[in-house]
Amino acid sequence: QVQLVESGGGLVQPGGSLTLSCAASGTSFSFSTYAMGWYRQAPGKQCELVASITTGGSTNFADSVKSRFTISRDNAKNTMYLQINSLKPEDTAVYFCKATWRRVYWGQGTQVTVSS
């Protein structure tokens, strides 16, 4: 059974930083073959893609987070990261990770709250 577990969320003041992690586990789950992505869902809003990274390391970002978010992956650790800088109140959301290849897997999410 495949599991994606997000961590690193919390309450942060505007202008602060966070690093989110998404750890993947499961028998016969080959992390390096999966395209990975970070999504977020704010209260009352639709879930949106904020960043993605391919198996080859190519990255893509939503316009609203470019220059502030960095996505990376460590295939040896079966883990993906999202470095978030210059946090804004509108970044408040539950952040989910997603793995896509032959199947799609989602994590349970981690809450990020940006407030003074």
C-alpha atoms as a PDB file:
ATOM      1  CA  GLN A   1       0.000   0.000   0.000  1.00  0.00           C
ATOM      2  CA  VAL A   2       1.350   3.393  -1.000  1.00  0.00           C
ATOM      3  CA  GLN A   3       1.370   6.244   1.458  1.00  0.00           C
ATOM      4  CA  LEU A   4       2.221   9.900   0.960  1.00  0.00           C
ATOM      5  CA  VAL A   5       2.694  11.795   4.203  1.00  0.00           C
ATOM      6  CA  GLU A   6       3.042  15.557   4.255  1.00  0.00           C
ATOM      7  CA  SER A   7       4.686  17.412   7.105  1.00  0.00           C
ATOM      8  CA  GLY A   8       6.113  20.809   7.939  1.00  0.00           C
ATOM      9  CA  GLY A   9       2.986  22.917   7.998  1.00  0.00           C
ATOM     10  CA  GLY A  10       2.102  25.297  10.785  1.00  0.00           C
ATOM     11  CA  LEU A  11       1.318  28.848  11.781  1.00  0.00           C
ATOM     12  CA  VAL A  12       3.687  31.412  10.321  1.00  0.00           C
ATOM     13  CA  GLN A  13       3.757  35.191  10.287  1.00  0.00           C
ATOM     14  CA  PRO A  14       3.557  37.039   6.963  1.00  0.00           C
ATOM     15  CA  GLY A  15       6.973  37.207   5.380  1.00  0.00           C
ATOM     16  CA  GLY A  16       8.082  33.995   7.026  1.00  0.00           C
ATOM     17  CA  SER A  17       9.240  30.729   5.503  1.00  0.00           C
ATOM     18  CA  LEU A  18       8.361  27.065   5.687  1.00  0.00           C
ATOM     19  CA  THR A  19       9.588  23.851   4.174  1.00  0.00           C
ATOM     20  CA  LEU A  20       6.999  21.193   3.505  1.00  0.00           C
ATOM     21  CA  SER A  21       7.948  17.564   3.016  1.00  0.00           C
ATOM     22  CA  CYS A  22       6.124  14.727   1.325  1.00  0.00           C
ATOM     23  CA  ALA A  23       7.459  11.305   2.245  1.00  0.00           C
ATOM     24  CA  ALA A  24       6.418   8.368   0.104  1.00  0.00           C
ATOM     25  CA  SER A  25       6.414   4.763   1.167  1.00  0.00           C
ATOM     26  CA  GLY A  26       5.039   1.432   0.028  1.00  0.00           C
ATOM     27  CA  THR A  27       6.174  -1.909  -1.219  1.00  0.00           C
ATOM     28  CA  SER A  28       7.096  -1.829  -4.891  1.00  0.00           C
ATOM     29  CA  PHE A  29       6.541   1.947  -5.020  1.00  0.00           C
ATOM     30  CA  SER A  30       9.252   3.374  -7.218  1.00  0.00           C
ATOM     31  CA  PHE A  31       9.311   7.031  -6.218  1.00  0.00           C
ATOM     32  CA  SER A  32      11.712   8.064  -8.958  1.00  0.00           C
ATOM     33  CA  THR A  33       9.265   7.048 -11.680  1.00  0.00           C
ATOM     34  CA  TYR A  34       6.494   9.306 -10.415  1.00  0.00           C
ATOM     35  CA  ALA A  35       5.858  12.887 -11.384  1.00  0.00           C
ATOM     36  CA  MET A  36       5.175  14.782  -8.188  1.00  0.00           C
ATOM     37  CA  GLY A  37       3.176  17.854  -7.381  1.00  0.00           C
ATOM     38  CA  TRP A  38       2.070  20.134  -4.582  1.00  0.00           C
ATOM     39  CA  TYR A  39      -1.515  21.331  -4.493  1.00  0.00           C
ATOM     40  CA  ARG A  40      -3.344  23.528  -2.059  1.00  0.00           C
ATOM     41  CA  GLN A  41      -6.912  24.189  -1.105  1.00  0.00           C
ATOM     42  CA  ALA A  42      -7.920  27.319   0.740  1.00  0.00           C
ATOM     43  CA  PRO A  43     -11.248  27.562   2.582  1.00  0.00           C
ATOM     44  CA  GLY A  44     -14.072  28.027   0.110  1.00  0.00           C
ATOM     45  CA  LYS A  45     -11.784  27.685  -2.898  1.00  0.00           C
ATOM     46  CA  GLN A  46     -10.972  24.975  -5.389  1.00  0.00           C
ATOM     47  CA  CYS A  47      -7.881  22.883  -5.099  1.00  0.00           C
ATOM     48  CA  GLU A  48      -5.081  24.331  -7.219  1.00  0.00           C
ATOM     49  CA  LEU A  49      -1.716  23.133  -8.425  1.00  0.00           C
ATOM     50  CA  VAL A  50       1.074  25.271  -7.000  1.00  0.00           C
ATOM     51  CA  ALA A  51       4.179  23.407  -8.147  1.00  0.00           C
ATOM     52  CA  SER A  52       5.196  20.238  -9.916  1.00  0.00           C
ATOM     53  CA  ILE A  53       8.393  18.354 -10.650  1.00  0.00           C
ATOM     54  CA  THR A  54       8.944  15.690 -13.269  1.00  0.00           C
ATOM     55  CA  THR A  55      10.976  12.527 -12.957  1.00  0.00           C
ATOM     56  CA  GLY A  56      13.797  14.379 -14.689  1.00  0.00           C
ATOM     57  CA  GLY A  57      13.670  17.308 -12.292  1.00  0.00           C
ATOM     58  CA  SER A  58      11.910  19.854 -14.484  1.00  0.00           C
ATOM     59  CA  THR A  59       9.738  22.178 -12.451  1.00  0.00           C
ATOM     60  CA  ASN A  60       6.628  24.241 -12.993  1.00  0.00           C
ATOM     61  CA  PHE A  61       4.937  26.794 -10.768  1.00  0.00           C
ATOM     62  CA  ALA A  62       1.648  28.628 -10.565  1.00  0.00           C
ATOM     63  CA  ASP A  63       2.049  32.295 -11.433  1.00  0.00           C
ATOM     64  CA  SER A  64       0.945  33.291  -7.942  1.00  0.00           C
ATOM     65  CA  VAL A  65       3.885  31.522  -6.297  1.00  0.00           C
ATOM     66  CA  LYS A  66       6.712  31.935  -8.794  1.00  0.00           C
ATOM     67  CA  SER A  67       9.910  33.321  -7.237  1.00  0.00           C
ATOM     68  CA  ARG A  68       8.641  32.471  -3.743  1.00  0.00           C
ATOM     69  CA  PHE A  69       8.220  28.674  -3.936  1.00  0.00           C
ATOM     70  CA  THR A  70      10.865  26.091  -4.722  1.00  0.00           C
ATOM     71  CA  ILE A  71      10.071  22.442  -5.358  1.00  0.00           C
ATOM     72  CA  SER A  72      12.629  19.656  -5.161  1.00  0.00           C
ATOM     73  CA  ARG A  73      12.849  15.918  -4.756  1.00  0.00           C
ATOM     74  CA  ASP A  74      15.303  13.485  -3.236  1.00  0.00           C
ATOM     75  CA  ASN A  75      14.755  10.117  -4.902  1.00  0.00           C
ATOM     76  CA  ALA A  76      17.152   8.410  -2.512  1.00  0.00           C
ATOM     77  CA  LYS A  77      14.897   9.459   0.384  1.00  0.00           C
ATOM     78  CA  ASN A  78      11.596   9.030  -1.463  1.00  0.00           C
ATOM     79  CA  THR A  79      10.778  12.572  -0.465  1.00  0.00           C
ATOM     80  CA  MET A  80       9.617  15.750  -2.169  1.00  0.00           C
ATOM     81  CA  TYR A  81       9.964  19.226  -0.702  1.00  0.00           C
ATOM     82  CA  LEU A  82       8.347  22.607  -1.072  1.00  0.00           C
ATOM     83  CA  GLN A  83      10.305  25.588   0.172  1.00  0.00           C
ATOM     84  CA  ILE A  84       7.980  28.535   0.705  1.00  0.00           C
ATOM     85  CA  ASN A  85       9.395  31.999   1.243  1.00  0.00           C
ATOM     86  CA  SER A  86       7.824  35.425   1.776  1.00  0.00           C
ATOM     87  CA  LEU A  87       4.596  33.850   2.951  1.00  0.00           C
ATOM     88  CA  LYS A  88       1.408  35.822   2.449  1.00  0.00           C
ATOM     89  CA  PRO A  89      -1.969  35.448   4.155  1.00  0.00           C
ATOM     90  CA  GLU A  90      -3.379  34.227   0.840  1.00  0.00           C
ATOM     91  CA  ASP A  91      -1.009  31.254   1.026  1.00  0.00           C
ATOM     92  CA  THR A  92      -3.131  29.927   3.880  1.00  0.00           C
ATOM     93  CA  ALA A  93      -4.432  26.532   2.792  1.00  0.00           C
ATOM     94  CA  VAL A  94      -4.120  22.814   3.235  1.00  0.00           C
ATOM     95  CA  TYR A  95      -1.195  21.662   1.121  1.00  0.00           C
ATOM     96  CA  PHE A  96      -1.357  18.234  -0.488  1.00  0.00           C
ATOM     97  CA  CYS A  97       1.194  16.220  -2.386  1.00  0.00           C
ATOM     98  CA  LYS A  98       0.325  14.053  -5.368  1.00  0.00           C
ATOM     99  CA  ALA A  99       2.217  11.307  -7.139  1.00  0.00           C
ATOM    100  CA  THR A 100       1.330  10.434 -10.728  1.00  0.00           C
ATOM    101  CA  TRP A 101       2.475   7.588 -12.935  1.00  0.00           C
ATOM    102  CA  ARG A 102       0.501   4.452 -13.589  1.00  0.00           C
ATOM    103  CA  ARG A 103      -1.699   5.413 -10.680  1.00  0.00           C
ATOM    104  CA  VAL A 104      -2.385   8.593  -8.795  1.00  0.00           C
ATOM    105  CA  TYR A 105      -1.769   8.897  -5.087  1.00  0.00           C
ATOM    106  CA  TRP A 106      -2.586  11.769  -2.727  1.00  0.00           C
ATOM    107  CA  GLY A 107      -1.431  12.603   0.737  1.00  0.00           C
ATOM    108  CA  GLN A 108      -3.702  13.703   3.570  1.00  0.00           C
ATOM    109  CA  GLY A 109      -2.442  17.270   3.582  1.00  0.00           C
ATOM    110  CA  THR A 110      -0.714  19.629   5.956  1.00  0.00           C
ATOM    111  CA  GLN A 111      -2.189  22.929   7.120  1.00  0.00           C
ATOM    112  CA  VAL A 112      -0.318  26.149   6.457  1.00  0.00           C
ATOM    113  CA  THR A 113      -1.696  29.250   8.159  1.00  0.00           C
ATOM    114  CA  VAL A 114      -0.170  32.648   7.523  1.00  0.00           C
ATOM    115  CA  SER A 115      -1.293  35.196  10.062  1.00  0.00           C
ATOM    116  CA  SER A 116       0.077  37.832  12.365  1.00  0.00           C
END
